[in-house]
């Protein structure tokens, strides 16, 4: 039964990612918004919904290691696994409009250190993180909402808004359902190996809830939409820390296990710094960079077992 759930989840994630990218690009064309802005919000945050649902439920069920590991592990997987694989398949160039949001992603990762060093993420910290996310979204819309034209080669510029809405809603629904089925099956399988909830959160659950980002970014990369592939990961990483941890801490305080401070935080900072440097200084990710990211992620994962 668990293996059937994993297979059904993968199918849902594949089709959900394709529908979401088609809807996002078409919506950007219809509303005159940049593809990167749409990917940063609708696509980037929408594909982070599984992480939000899993983290809140895990914290409420008394598994804080799984909740925090899901967020940190997802951010690491977004960079090492998702962008690494996408760049290996199709080298990507970062658009000029990405710079501010890449810096925000790096800054949020750096600020996570002092948050974790408190030993527990409480309600006040959670509220401040959620407010910071709202401020960032408002500023992003104010600065970019109507200034950037959509890409001229958007595949569905004339699609009716109701059809775009169906694509977006259907894609998000499939992503959430697919991720839920995959995580439910994978967690049961992983528990048979008797590993801690923190390790399960950092690996099985993190990769499972990051598969929407994987499906979306790979689809976008294959369609030549590097802005959506990169913006999806940048937006998800910002939302995972500020939104998911913030909302989870508002529901219940999240204790911080020692391993997150000694190992996983530093891996996240190294991955975020490397990604920011490549995008800002070199302008994109090539196949060599993708291979390095994938190799590093594989080594990090295998070291836990």
Foldseek 3Di string as FASTA:
>chain_A
DLVVLQVLLLVLLQLLLLLQLLLLLQVCLQQFFESLLSLLPLVQVLLLVLLLVVLLVCVVVPALLLNVLLLLLLLLCLQLPQQLVLQLVFWFFEDPVCQVLLVVLLVLLVVVLVCQVVQKNALVNLVVLQVVVVVVNVVCCVVGVNPHGYDPVSPNNPDDPVSSVCSSVSSSVSSNSSLVSSLVSQVVVVCVVVDGSNLCSNPRNNVSSNSSLNSNLNSCSVVVNNSSNVSSSSSNSSCSRSPSQSVSNNSPMRGRDPCCNVPSSVSSSVSSVVVSCCCVVVRTRHSVNSVVSNVVVVVVSVVRD
